[in-house]
PDB file of N, CA and C in Angstrom:
ATOM      1  N   UNK A   1       7.329  40.571  28.315  1.00  0.00           N
ATOM      2  CA  UNK A   1       8.320  39.559  28.385  1.00  0.00           C
ATOM      3  C   UNK A   1       7.659  38.151  28.287  1.00  0.00           C
ATOM      4  N   UNK A   2       6.538  37.948  28.915  1.00  0.00           N
ATOM      5  CA  UNK A   2       5.860  36.702  28.823  1.00  0.00           C
ATOM      6  C   UNK A   2       5.380  36.430  27.421  1.00  0.00           C
ATOM      7  N   UNK A   3       5.026  37.514  26.694  1.00  0.00           N
ATOM      8  CA  UNK A   3       4.559  37.357  25.295  1.00  0.00           C
ATOM      9  C   UNK A   3       5.686  36.775  24.453  1.00  0.00           C
ATOM     10  N   UNK A   4       6.950  37.289  24.593  1.00  0.00           N
ATOM     11  CA  UNK A   4       8.061  36.772  23.844  1.00  0.00           C
ATOM     12  C   UNK A   4       8.357  35.294  24.163  1.00  0.00           C
ATOM     13  N   UNK A   5       8.229  34.980  25.433  1.00  0.00           N
ATOM     14  CA  UNK A   5       8.425  33.588  25.826  1.00  0.00           C
ATOM     15  C   UNK A   5       7.413  32.650  25.219  1.00  0.00           C
ATOM     16  N   UNK A   6       6.190  33.046  25.191  1.00  0.00           N
ATOM     17  CA  UNK A   6       5.152  32.226  24.605  1.00  0.00           C
ATOM     18  C   UNK A   6       5.378  32.090  23.114  1.00  0.00           C
ATOM     19  N   UNK A   7       5.735  33.180  22.435  1.00  0.00           N
ATOM     20  CA  UNK A   7       5.982  33.098  21.048  1.00  0.00           C
ATOM     21  C   UNK A   7       7.185  32.193  20.722  1.00  0.00           C
ATOM     22  N   UNK A   8       8.239  32.241  21.540  1.00  0.00           N
ATOM     23  CA  UNK A   8       9.418  31.392  21.414  1.00  0.00           C
ATOM     24  C   UNK A   8       9.068  29.960  21.570  1.00  0.00           C
ATOM     25  N   UNK A   9       8.253  29.654  22.522  1.00  0.00           N
ATOM     26  CA  UNK A   9       7.838  28.270  22.759  1.00  0.00           C
ATOM     27  C   UNK A   9       6.980  27.759  21.615  1.00  0.00           C
ATOM     28  N   UNK A  10       6.124  28.596  21.139  1.00  0.00           N
ATOM     29  CA  UNK A  10       5.237  28.180  20.023  1.00  0.00           C
ATOM     30  C   UNK A  10       6.078  27.964  18.731  1.00  0.00           C
ATOM     31  N   UNK A  11       7.010  28.816  18.469  1.00  0.00           N
ATOM     32  CA  UNK A  11       7.857  28.634  17.289  1.00  0.00           C
ATOM     33  C   UNK A  11       8.711  27.349  17.440  1.00  0.00           C
ATOM     34  N   UNK A  12       9.261  27.151  18.659  1.00  0.00           N
ATOM     35  CA  UNK A  12      10.086  25.950  18.882  1.00  0.00           C
ATOM     36  C   UNK A  12       9.292  24.665  18.701  1.00  0.00           C
ATOM     37  N   UNK A  13       8.056  24.675  19.256  1.00  0.00           N
ATOM     38  CA  UNK A  13       7.215  23.492  19.129  1.00  0.00           C
ATOM     39  C   UNK A  13       6.855  23.191  17.656  1.00  0.00           C
ATOM     40  N   UNK A  14       6.626  24.225  16.904  1.00  0.00           N
ATOM     41  CA  UNK A  14       6.343  24.053  15.473  1.00  0.00           C
ATOM     42  C   UNK A  14       7.527  23.439  14.788  1.00  0.00           C
ATOM     43  N   UNK A  15       8.724  24.039  15.022  1.00  0.00           N
ATOM     44  CA  UNK A  15       9.955  23.645  14.406  1.00  0.00           C
ATOM     45  C   UNK A  15      10.231  22.156  14.729  1.00  0.00           C
ATOM     46  N   UNK A  16      10.209  21.801  16.028  1.00  0.00           N
ATOM     47  CA  UNK A  16      10.557  20.456  16.415  1.00  0.00           C
ATOM     48  C   UNK A  16       9.509  19.459  16.057  1.00  0.00           C
ATOM     49  N   UNK A  17       8.275  19.893  15.931  1.00  0.00           N
ATOM     50  CA  UNK A  17       7.218  18.975  15.496  1.00  0.00           C
ATOM     51  C   UNK A  17       7.306  18.654  14.027  1.00  0.00           C
ATOM     52  N   UNK A  18       7.876  19.556  13.260  1.00  0.00           N
ATOM     53  CA  UNK A  18       8.051  19.363  11.790  1.00  0.00           C
ATOM     54  C   UNK A  18       9.401  18.818  11.373  1.00  0.00           C
ATOM     55  N   UNK A  19      10.358  18.741  12.337  1.00  0.00           N
ATOM     56  CA  UNK A  19      11.684  18.366  11.977  1.00  0.00           C
ATOM     57  C   UNK A  19      11.948  16.879  11.857  1.00  0.00           C
ATOM     58  N   UNK A  20      10.925  16.056  12.159  1.00  0.00           N
ATOM     59  CA  UNK A  20      11.048  14.593  12.085  1.00  0.00           C
ATOM     60  C   UNK A  20      11.265  14.181  10.625  1.00  0.00           C
ATOM     61  N   UNK A  21      11.551  12.933  10.414  1.00  0.00           N
ATOM     62  CA  UNK A  21      11.723  12.371   9.080  1.00  0.00           C
ATOM     63  C   UNK A  21      10.363  12.371   8.344  1.00  0.00           C
ATOM     64  N   UNK A  22      10.216  13.199   7.368  1.00  0.00           N
ATOM     65  CA  UNK A  22       8.967  13.338   6.653  1.00  0.00           C
ATOM     66  C   UNK A  22       8.646  12.129   5.800  1.00  0.00           C
ATOM     67  N   UNK A  23       9.623  11.206   5.614  1.00  0.00           N
ATOM     68  CA  UNK A  23       9.362  10.060   4.769  1.00  0.00           C
ATOM     69  C   UNK A  23       8.749   8.875   5.648  1.00  0.00           C
ATOM     70  N   UNK A  24       8.735   9.058   6.922  1.00  0.00           N
ATOM     71  CA  UNK A  24       8.141   8.016   7.802  1.00  0.00           C
ATOM     72  C   UNK A  24       6.671   8.300   7.934  1.00  0.00           C
ATOM     73  N   UNK A  25       5.861   7.285   7.708  1.00  0.00           N
ATOM     74  CA  UNK A  25       4.424   7.402   7.823  1.00  0.00           C
ATOM     75  C   UNK A  25       3.952   6.103   8.475  1.00  0.00           C
ATOM     76  N   UNK A  26       3.109   6.237   9.515  1.00  0.00           N
ATOM     77  CA  UNK A  26       2.607   5.068  10.278  1.00  0.00           C
ATOM     78  C   UNK A  26       3.761   4.219  10.775  1.00  0.00           C
ATOM     79  N   UNK A  27       4.893   4.823  11.057  1.00  0.00           N
ATOM     80  CA  UNK A  27       6.036   4.057  11.611  1.00  0.00           C
ATOM     81  C   UNK A  27       6.826   3.321  10.468  1.00  0.00           C
ATOM     82  N   UNK A  28       6.495   3.477   9.234  1.00  0.00           N
ATOM     83  CA  UNK A  28       7.166   2.853   8.159  1.00  0.00           C
ATOM     84  C   UNK A  28       7.892   3.823   7.281  1.00  0.00           C
ATOM     85  N   UNK A  29       9.132   3.455   6.937  1.00  0.00           N
ATOM     86  CA  UNK A  29       9.901   4.371   6.048  1.00  0.00           C
ATOM     87  C   UNK A  29       9.332   4.325   4.632  1.00  0.00           C
ATOM     88  N   UNK A  30       9.701   5.268   3.852  1.00  0.00           N
ATOM     89  CA  UNK A  30       9.235   5.365   2.481  1.00  0.00           C
ATOM     90  C   UNK A  30       9.672   4.144   1.685  1.00  0.00           C
ATOM     91  N   UNK A  31      10.903   3.695   1.850  1.00  0.00           N
ATOM     92  CA  UNK A  31      11.408   2.506   1.190  1.00  0.00           C
ATOM     93  C   UNK A  31      10.624   1.272   1.564  1.00  0.00           C
ATOM     94  N   UNK A  32      10.288   1.108   2.827  1.00  0.00           N
ATOM     95  CA  UNK A  32       9.524  -0.065   3.229  1.00  0.00           C
ATOM     96  C   UNK A  32       8.120  -0.019   2.668  1.00  0.00           C
ATOM     97  N   UNK A  33       7.486   1.168   2.614  1.00  0.00           N
ATOM     98  CA  UNK A  33       6.132   1.285   2.002  1.00  0.00           C
ATOM     99  C   UNK A  33       6.217   0.967   0.549  1.00  0.00           C
ATOM    100  N   UNK A  34       7.247   1.423  -0.159  1.00  0.00           N
ATOM    101  CA  UNK A  34       7.409   1.155  -1.623  1.00  0.00           C
ATOM    102  C   UNK A  34       7.548  -0.369  -1.799  1.00  0.00           C
ATOM    103  N   UNK A  35       8.352  -1.032  -0.930  1.00  0.00           N
ATOM    104  CA  UNK A  35       8.556  -2.467  -1.088  1.00  0.00           C
ATOM    105  C   UNK A  35       7.237  -3.219  -0.859  1.00  0.00           C
ATOM    106  N   UNK A  36       6.546  -2.834   0.153  1.00  0.00           N
ATOM    107  CA  UNK A  36       5.260  -3.475   0.447  1.00  0.00           C
ATOM    108  C   UNK A  36       4.249  -3.203  -0.708  1.00  0.00           C
ATOM    109  N   UNK A  37       4.194  -2.013  -1.239  1.00  0.00           N
ATOM    110  CA  UNK A  37       3.321  -1.718  -2.374  1.00  0.00           C
ATOM    111  C   UNK A  37       3.664  -2.630  -3.572  1.00  0.00           C
ATOM    112  N   UNK A  38       4.902  -2.784  -3.893  1.00  0.00           N
ATOM    113  CA  UNK A  38       5.275  -3.633  -5.007  1.00  0.00           C
ATOM    114  C   UNK A  38       4.850  -5.092  -4.751  1.00  0.00           C
ATOM    115  N   UNK A  39       5.028  -5.542  -3.511  1.00  0.00           N
ATOM    116  CA  UNK A  39       4.613  -6.915  -3.195  1.00  0.00           C
ATOM    117  C   UNK A  39       3.094  -7.062  -3.243  1.00  0.00           C
ATOM    118  N   UNK A  40       2.401  -6.004  -2.841  1.00  0.00           N
ATOM    119  CA  UNK A  40       0.917  -6.111  -2.882  1.00  0.00           C
ATOM    120  C   UNK A  40       0.436  -6.135  -4.350  1.00  0.00           C
ATOM    121  N   UNK A  41       1.148  -5.395  -5.236  1.00  0.00           N
ATOM    122  CA  UNK A  41       0.820  -5.458  -6.683  1.00  0.00           C
ATOM    123  C   UNK A  41       0.975  -6.854  -7.210  1.00  0.00           C
ATOM    124  N   UNK A  42       2.097  -7.479  -6.850  1.00  0.00           N
ATOM    125  CA  UNK A  42       2.313  -8.851  -7.252  1.00  0.00           C
ATOM    126  C   UNK A  42       1.278  -9.780  -6.728  1.00  0.00           C
ATOM    127  N   UNK A  43       0.886  -9.562  -5.486  1.00  0.00           N
ATOM    128  CA  UNK A  43      -0.197 -10.382  -4.855  1.00  0.00           C
ATOM    129  C   UNK A  43      -1.522 -10.213  -5.627  1.00  0.00           C
ATOM    130  N   UNK A  44      -1.841  -8.967  -6.042  1.00  0.00           N
ATOM    131  CA  UNK A  44      -3.029  -8.690  -6.823  1.00  0.00           C
ATOM    132  C   UNK A  44      -3.000  -9.508  -8.111  1.00  0.00           C
ATOM    133  N   UNK A  45      -1.904  -9.430  -8.810  1.00  0.00           N
ATOM    134  CA  UNK A  45      -1.787 -10.132 -10.112  1.00  0.00           C
ATOM    135  C   UNK A  45      -1.884 -11.655  -9.904  1.00  0.00           C
ATOM    136  N   UNK A  46      -1.265 -12.169  -8.865  1.00  0.00           N
ATOM    137  CA  UNK A  46      -1.331 -13.572  -8.598  1.00  0.00           C
ATOM    138  C   UNK A  46      -2.772 -14.009  -8.302  1.00  0.00           C
ATOM    139  N   UNK A  47      -3.462 -13.221  -7.491  1.00  0.00           N
ATOM    140  CA  UNK A  47      -4.861 -13.541  -7.176  1.00  0.00           C
ATOM    141  C   UNK A  47      -5.743 -13.572  -8.415  1.00  0.00           C
ATOM    142  N   UNK A  48      -5.523 -12.544  -9.293  1.00  0.00           N
ATOM    143  CA  UNK A  48      -6.278 -12.426 -10.503  1.00  0.00           C
ATOM    144  C   UNK A  48      -6.023 -13.631 -11.401  1.00  0.00           C
ATOM    145  N   UNK A  49      -4.794 -13.953 -11.546  1.00  0.00           N
ATOM    146  CA  UNK A  49      -4.354 -15.084 -12.429  1.00  0.00           C
ATOM    147  C   UNK A  49      -4.967 -16.419 -11.923  1.00  0.00           C
ATOM    148  N   UNK A  50      -4.841 -16.641 -10.608  1.00  0.00           N
ATOM    149  CA  UNK A  50      -5.376 -17.874 -10.025  1.00  0.00           C
ATOM    150  C   UNK A  50      -6.933 -17.927 -10.131  1.00  0.00           C
ATOM    151  N   UNK A  51      -7.605 -16.867  -9.835  1.00  0.00           N
ATOM    152  CA  UNK A  51      -9.072 -16.871  -9.918  1.00  0.00           C
ATOM    153  C   UNK A  51      -9.487 -17.031 -11.369  1.00  0.00           C
ATOM    154  N   UNK A  52      -8.816 -16.475 -12.327  1.00  0.00           N
ATOM    155  CA  UNK A  52      -9.183 -16.620 -13.726  1.00  0.00           C
ATOM    156  C   UNK A  52      -8.924 -18.015 -14.184  1.00  0.00           C
ATOM    157  N   UNK A  53      -7.919 -18.695 -13.650  1.00  0.00           N
ATOM    158  CA  UNK A  53      -7.662 -20.098 -14.090  1.00  0.00           C
ATOM    159  C   UNK A  53      -8.794 -21.003 -13.557  1.00  0.00           C
ATOM    160  N   UNK A  54      -9.444 -20.642 -12.459  1.00  0.00           N
ATOM    161  CA  UNK A  54     -10.526 -21.425 -11.917  1.00  0.00           C
ATOM    162  C   UNK A  54     -11.842 -21.182 -12.652  1.00  0.00           C
ATOM    163  N   UNK A  55     -12.018 -19.933 -13.172  1.00  0.00           N
ATOM    164  CA  UNK A  55     -13.216 -19.548 -13.843  1.00  0.00           C
ATOM    165  C   UNK A  55     -12.808 -18.795 -15.098  1.00  0.00           C
ATOM    166  N   UNK A  56     -12.390 -19.487 -16.174  1.00  0.00           N
ATOM    167  CA  UNK A  56     -11.778 -18.881 -17.325  1.00  0.00           C
ATOM    168  C   UNK A  56     -12.679 -17.911 -18.138  1.00  0.00           C
ATOM    169  N   UNK A  57     -13.980 -17.962 -18.013  1.00  0.00           N
ATOM    170  CA  UNK A  57     -14.860 -17.165 -18.847  1.00  0.00           C
ATOM    171  C   UNK A  57     -15.872 -16.453 -17.979  1.00  0.00           C
ATOM    172  N   UNK A  58     -15.465 -15.624 -17.005  1.00  0.00           N
ATOM    173  CA  UNK A  58     -16.421 -15.059 -16.095  1.00  0.00           C
ATOM    174  C   UNK A  58     -17.356 -14.027 -16.755  1.00  0.00           C
ATOM    175  N   UNK A  59     -17.108 -13.564 -17.889  1.00  0.00           N
ATOM    176  CA  UNK A  59     -17.953 -12.578 -18.591  1.00  0.00           C
ATOM    177  C   UNK A  59     -18.987 -13.224 -19.500  1.00  0.00           C
ATOM    178  N   UNK A  60     -19.046 -14.529 -19.552  1.00  0.00           N
ATOM    179  CA  UNK A  60     -19.989 -15.238 -20.469  1.00  0.00           C
ATOM    180  C   UNK A  60     -21.097 -15.862 -19.682  1.00  0.00           C
ATOM    181  N   UNK A  61     -22.242 -16.112 -20.275  1.00  0.00           N
ATOM    182  CA  UNK A  61     -23.322 -16.782 -19.551  1.00  0.00           C
ATOM    183  C   UNK A  61     -22.855 -18.150 -19.026  1.00  0.00           C
ATOM    184  N   UNK A  62     -23.069 -18.360 -17.788  1.00  0.00           N
ATOM    185  CA  UNK A  62     -22.697 -19.665 -17.165  1.00  0.00           C
ATOM    186  C   UNK A  62     -21.194 -19.700 -16.954  1.00  0.00           C
ATOM    187  N   UNK A  63     -20.427 -18.631 -17.167  1.00  0.00           N
ATOM    188  CA  UNK A  63     -19.028 -18.629 -17.031  1.00  0.00           C
ATOM    189  C   UNK A  63     -18.463 -18.512 -15.635  1.00  0.00           C
ATOM    190  N   UNK A  64     -19.374 -18.356 -14.652  1.00  0.00           N
ATOM    191  CA  UNK A  64     -18.934 -18.295 -13.238  1.00  0.00           C
ATOM    192  C   UNK A  64     -18.536 -16.934 -12.812  1.00  0.00           C
ATOM    193  N   UNK A  65     -19.152 -15.867 -13.285  1.00  0.00           N
ATOM    194  CA  UNK A  65     -18.798 -14.452 -12.900  1.00  0.00           C
ATOM    195  C   UNK A  65     -18.909 -14.192 -11.447  1.00  0.00           C
ATOM    196  N   UNK A  66     -19.992 -14.619 -10.828  1.00  0.00           N
ATOM    197  CA  UNK A  66     -20.177 -14.368  -9.406  1.00  0.00           C
ATOM    198  C   UNK A  66     -19.113 -15.132  -8.596  1.00  0.00           C
ATOM    199  N   UNK A  67     -18.981 -16.392  -8.972  1.00  0.00           N
ATOM    200  CA  UNK A  67     -18.019 -17.246  -8.260  1.00  0.00           C
ATOM    201  C   UNK A  67     -16.577 -16.685  -8.460  1.00  0.00           C
ATOM    202  N   UNK A  68     -16.303 -16.216  -9.673  1.00  0.00           N
ATOM    203  CA  UNK A  68     -15.024 -15.584  -9.957  1.00  0.00           C
ATOM    204  C   UNK A  68     -14.734 -14.432  -9.034  1.00  0.00           C
ATOM    205  N   UNK A  69     -15.683 -13.534  -8.872  1.00  0.00           N
ATOM    206  CA  UNK A  69     -15.513 -12.366  -7.968  1.00  0.00           C
ATOM    207  C   UNK A  69     -15.317 -12.750  -6.533  1.00  0.00           C
ATOM    208  N   UNK A  70     -16.067 -13.776  -6.094  1.00  0.00           N
ATOM    209  CA  UNK A  70     -15.953 -14.202  -4.727  1.00  0.00           C
ATOM    210  C   UNK A  70     -14.530 -14.836  -4.493  1.00  0.00           C
ATOM    211  N   UNK A  71     -14.159 -15.668  -5.455  1.00  0.00           N
ATOM    212  CA  UNK A  71     -12.821 -16.313  -5.327  1.00  0.00           C
ATOM    213  C   UNK A  71     -11.683 -15.300  -5.430  1.00  0.00           C
ATOM    214  N   UNK A  72     -11.837 -14.319  -6.298  1.00  0.00           N
ATOM    215  CA  UNK A  72     -10.846 -13.236  -6.473  1.00  0.00           C
ATOM    216  C   UNK A  72     -10.666 -12.489  -5.159  1.00  0.00           C
ATOM    217  N   UNK A  73     -11.792 -12.108  -4.532  1.00  0.00           N
ATOM    218  CA  UNK A  73     -11.703 -11.376  -3.301  1.00  0.00           C
ATOM    219  C   UNK A  73     -11.037 -12.191  -2.182  1.00  0.00           C
ATOM    220  N   UNK A  74     -11.420 -13.493  -2.081  1.00  0.00           N
ATOM    221  CA  UNK A  74     -10.767 -14.378  -1.113  1.00  0.00           C
ATOM    222  C   UNK A  74      -9.280 -14.441  -1.265  1.00  0.00           C
ATOM    223  N   UNK A  75      -8.847 -14.620  -2.570  1.00  0.00           N
ATOM    224  CA  UNK A  75      -7.395 -14.704  -2.819  1.00  0.00           C
ATOM    225  C   UNK A  75      -6.656 -13.401  -2.589  1.00  0.00           C
ATOM    226  N   UNK A  76      -7.339 -12.328  -2.974  1.00  0.00           N
ATOM    227  CA  UNK A  76      -6.712 -11.004  -2.718  1.00  0.00           C
ATOM    228  C   UNK A  76      -6.468 -10.783  -1.224  1.00  0.00           C
ATOM    229  N   UNK A  77      -7.470 -11.050  -0.449  1.00  0.00           N
ATOM    230  CA  UNK A  77      -7.296 -10.927   1.037  1.00  0.00           C
ATOM    231  C   UNK A  77      -6.215 -11.869   1.557  1.00  0.00           C
ATOM    232  N   UNK A  78      -6.212 -13.082   1.124  1.00  0.00           N
ATOM    233  CA  UNK A  78      -5.256 -14.050   1.666  1.00  0.00           C
ATOM    234  C   UNK A  78      -3.784 -13.628   1.261  1.00  0.00           C
ATOM    235  N   UNK A  79      -3.634 -13.266   0.000  1.00  0.00           N
ATOM    236  CA  UNK A  79      -2.307 -12.870  -0.479  1.00  0.00           C
ATOM    237  C   UNK A  79      -1.814 -11.559   0.121  1.00  0.00           C
ATOM    238  N   UNK A  80      -2.737 -10.596   0.276  1.00  0.00           N
ATOM    239  CA  UNK A  80      -2.340  -9.338   0.926  1.00  0.00           C
ATOM    240  C   UNK A  80      -1.944  -9.620   2.366  1.00  0.00           C
ATOM    241  N   UNK A  81      -2.698 -10.460   3.079  1.00  0.00           N
ATOM    242  CA  UNK A  81      -2.350 -10.770   4.489  1.00  0.00           C
ATOM    243  C   UNK A  81      -0.981 -11.403   4.531  1.00  0.00           C
ATOM    244  N   UNK A  82      -0.629 -12.294   3.555  1.00  0.00           N
ATOM    245  CA  UNK A  82       0.710 -12.909   3.545  1.00  0.00           C
ATOM    246  C   UNK A  82       1.793 -11.851   3.420  1.00  0.00           C
ATOM    247  N   UNK A  83       1.572 -10.863   2.459  1.00  0.00           N
ATOM    248  CA  UNK A  83       2.586  -9.835   2.198  1.00  0.00           C
ATOM    249  C   UNK A  83       2.709  -8.939   3.436  1.00  0.00           C
ATOM    250  N   UNK A  84       1.619  -8.543   4.019  1.00  0.00           N
ATOM    251  CA  UNK A  84       1.694  -7.645   5.154  1.00  0.00           C
ATOM    252  C   UNK A  84       2.358  -8.387   6.341  1.00  0.00           C
ATOM    253  N   UNK A  85       1.969  -9.621   6.558  1.00  0.00           N
ATOM    254  CA  UNK A  85       2.518 -10.377   7.680  1.00  0.00           C
ATOM    255  C   UNK A  85       4.036 -10.632   7.468  1.00  0.00           C
ATOM    256  N   UNK A  86       4.459 -10.933   6.309  1.00  0.00           N
ATOM    257  CA  UNK A  86       5.857 -11.235   6.057  1.00  0.00           C
ATOM    258  C   UNK A  86       6.750  -9.949   6.190  1.00  0.00           C
ATOM    259  N   UNK A  87       6.133  -8.799   6.058  1.00  0.00           N
ATOM    260  CA  UNK A  87       6.820  -7.535   6.198  1.00  0.00           C
ATOM    261  C   UNK A  87       6.599  -6.886   7.580  1.00  0.00           C
ATOM    262  N   UNK A  88       5.975  -7.587   8.463  1.00  0.00           N
ATOM    263  CA  UNK A  88       5.653  -7.087   9.776  1.00  0.00           C
ATOM    264  C   UNK A  88       4.916  -5.741   9.692  1.00  0.00           C
ATOM    265  N   UNK A  89       3.939  -5.699   8.807  1.00  0.00           N
ATOM    266  CA  UNK A  89       3.097  -4.499   8.638  1.00  0.00           C
ATOM    267  C   UNK A  89       1.739  -4.813   9.137  1.00  0.00           C
ATOM    268  N   UNK A  90       1.125  -3.918   9.921  1.00  0.00           N
ATOM    269  CA  UNK A  90      -0.249  -4.155  10.436  1.00  0.00           C
ATOM    270  C   UNK A  90      -1.227  -4.286   9.235  1.00  0.00           C
ATOM    271  N   UNK A  91      -2.125  -5.217   9.379  1.00  0.00           N
ATOM    272  CA  UNK A  91      -3.089  -5.525   8.339  1.00  0.00           C
ATOM    273  C   UNK A  91      -3.906  -4.291   7.925  1.00  0.00           C
ATOM    274  N   UNK A  92      -4.196  -3.404   8.856  1.00  0.00           N
ATOM    275  CA  UNK A  92      -5.074  -2.251   8.484  1.00  0.00           C
ATOM    276  C   UNK A  92      -4.263  -1.177   7.718  1.00  0.00           C
ATOM    277  N   UNK A  93      -2.963  -1.358   7.485  1.00  0.00           N
ATOM    278  CA  UNK A  93      -2.174  -0.367   6.716  1.00  0.00           C
ATOM    279  C   UNK A  93      -2.101  -0.719   5.228  1.00  0.00           C
ATOM    280  N   UNK A  94      -2.526  -1.882   4.796  1.00  0.00           N
ATOM    281  CA  UNK A  94      -2.374  -2.341   3.499  1.00  0.00           C
ATOM    282  C   UNK A  94      -3.068  -1.438   2.514  1.00  0.00           C
ATOM    283  N   UNK A  95      -4.299  -1.059   2.794  1.00  0.00           N
ATOM    284  CA  UNK A  95      -5.060  -0.130   1.855  1.00  0.00           C
ATOM    285  C   UNK A  95      -4.396   1.215   1.713  1.00  0.00           C
ATOM    286  N   UNK A  96      -3.908   1.760   2.889  1.00  0.00           N
ATOM    287  CA  UNK A  96      -3.340   3.132   2.792  1.00  0.00           C
ATOM    288  C   UNK A  96      -1.969   3.120   2.012  1.00  0.00           C
ATOM    289  N   UNK A  97      -1.220   2.013   2.192  1.00  0.00           N
ATOM    290  CA  UNK A  97       0.033   1.861   1.457  1.00  0.00           C
ATOM    291  C   UNK A  97      -0.252   1.739  -0.027  1.00  0.00           C
ATOM    292  N   UNK A  98      -1.228   0.860  -0.365  1.00  0.00           N
ATOM    293  CA  UNK A  98      -1.580   0.680  -1.780  1.00  0.00           C
ATOM    294  C   UNK A  98      -2.063   1.949  -2.408  1.00  0.00           C
ATOM    295  N   UNK A  99      -2.971   2.624  -1.740  1.00  0.00           N
ATOM    296  CA  UNK A  99      -3.493   3.907  -2.229  1.00  0.00           C
ATOM    297  C   UNK A  99      -2.366   4.937  -2.422  1.00  0.00           C
ATOM    298  N   UNK A 100      -1.468   5.036  -1.400  1.00  0.00           N
ATOM    299  CA  UNK A 100      -0.354   5.947  -1.520  1.00  0.00           C
ATOM    300  C   UNK A 100       0.530   5.606  -2.772  1.00  0.00           C
ATOM    301  N   UNK A 101       0.740   4.360  -2.954  1.00  0.00           N
ATOM    302  CA  UNK A 101       1.548   3.897  -4.076  1.00  0.00           C
ATOM    303  C   UNK A 101       0.964   4.253  -5.431  1.00  0.00           C
ATOM    304  N   UNK A 102      -0.367   4.022  -5.520  1.00  0.00           N
ATOM    305  CA  UNK A 102      -1.085   4.409  -6.778  1.00  0.00           C
ATOM    306  C   UNK A 102      -1.007   5.905  -7.000  1.00  0.00           C
ATOM    307  N   UNK A 103      -1.272   6.665  -5.964  1.00  0.00           N
ATOM    308  CA  UNK A 103      -1.298   8.110  -6.033  1.00  0.00           C
ATOM    309  C   UNK A 103       0.079   8.653  -6.414  1.00  0.00           C
ATOM    310  N   UNK A 104       1.089   8.107  -5.861  1.00  0.00           N
ATOM    311  CA  UNK A 104       2.489   8.580  -6.068  1.00  0.00           C
ATOM    312  C   UNK A 104       3.142   7.900  -7.341  1.00  0.00           C
ATOM    313  N   UNK A 105       2.428   7.003  -7.947  1.00  0.00           N
ATOM    314  CA  UNK A 105       2.889   6.327  -9.182  1.00  0.00           C
ATOM    315  C   UNK A 105       4.200   5.541  -8.953  1.00  0.00           C
ATOM    316  N   UNK A 106       4.217   4.721  -7.831  1.00  0.00           N
ATOM    317  CA  UNK A 106       5.387   3.979  -7.517  1.00  0.00           C
ATOM    318  C   UNK A 106       5.588   2.834  -8.496  1.00  0.00           C
ATOM    319  N   UNK A 107       4.527   2.318  -9.091  1.00  0.00           N
ATOM    320  CA  UNK A 107       4.702   1.264 -10.082  1.00  0.00           C
ATOM    321  C   UNK A 107       5.400   1.741 -11.277  1.00  0.00           C
ATOM    322  N   UNK A 108       5.067   2.922 -11.752  1.00  0.00           N
ATOM    323  CA  UNK A 108       5.753   3.553 -12.903  1.00  0.00           C
ATOM    324  C   UNK A 108       7.178   3.882 -12.528  1.00  0.00           C
ATOM    325  N   UNK A 109       7.431   4.310 -11.323  1.00  0.00           N
ATOM    326  CA  UNK A 109       8.778   4.606 -10.878  1.00  0.00           C
ATOM    327  C   UNK A 109       9.636   3.354 -10.905  1.00  0.00           C
ATOM    328  N   UNK A 110       9.051   2.222 -10.444  1.00  0.00           N
ATOM    329  CA  UNK A 110       9.811   0.963 -10.440  1.00  0.00           C
ATOM    330  C   UNK A 110      10.085   0.503 -11.863  1.00  0.00           C
ATOM    331  N   UNK A 111       9.159   0.663 -12.773  1.00  0.00           N
ATOM    332  CA  UNK A 111       9.349   0.313 -14.149  1.00  0.00           C
ATOM    333  C   UNK A 111      10.503   1.132 -14.809  1.00  0.00           C
ATOM    334  N   UNK A 112      10.498   2.453 -14.481  1.00  0.00           N
ATOM    335  CA  UNK A 112      11.546   3.317 -15.010  1.00  0.00           C
ATOM    336  C   UNK A 112      12.935   2.934 -14.473  1.00  0.00           C
ATOM    337  N   UNK A 113      12.984   2.540 -13.218  1.00  0.00           N
ATOM    338  CA  UNK A 113      14.300   2.099 -12.629  1.00  0.00           C
ATOM    339  C   UNK A 113      14.758   0.832 -13.247  1.00  0.00           C
ATOM    340  N   UNK A 114      13.833  -0.072 -13.574  1.00  0.00           N
ATOM    341  CA  UNK A 114      14.228  -1.390 -14.190  1.00  0.00           C
ATOM    342  C   UNK A 114      14.765  -1.131 -15.613  1.00  0.00           C
ATOM    343  N   UNK A 115      14.288  -0.109 -16.294  1.00  0.00           N
ATOM    344  CA  UNK A 115      14.741   0.181 -17.653  1.00  0.00           C
ATOM    345  C   UNK A 115      16.157   0.727 -17.692  1.00  0.00           C
ATOM    346  N   UNK A 116      16.518   1.440 -16.586  1.00  0.00           N
ATOM    347  CA  UNK A 116      17.836   2.066 -16.481  1.00  0.00           C
ATOM    348  C   UNK A 116      18.963   1.042 -16.383  1.00  0.00           C
TER     349      UNK A 116
END
């Protein structure tokens, strides 16, 4: 009898443990993560464009390649922090959201939606 009770408890705990919203990760819904991902992509592009305008020829001798990379990193961090802060997302979640978005091809998904 105890064996059946233990098995029932085990099955119940597995069921209830898995029955939560599978789209929520780190306390953020899938839609929120997708929104943050898209904004992080825009922030990346903005940082690249701004850094390139300061150092227009980073691949040429004397073109400021090292300075370009330093400025690019500074701008990326600053713009990502703005995006995460404005969405009330912890700063340490930015990389995981961005990686998830790349892996799941959210950028392509957004492009396909805009074409429809």
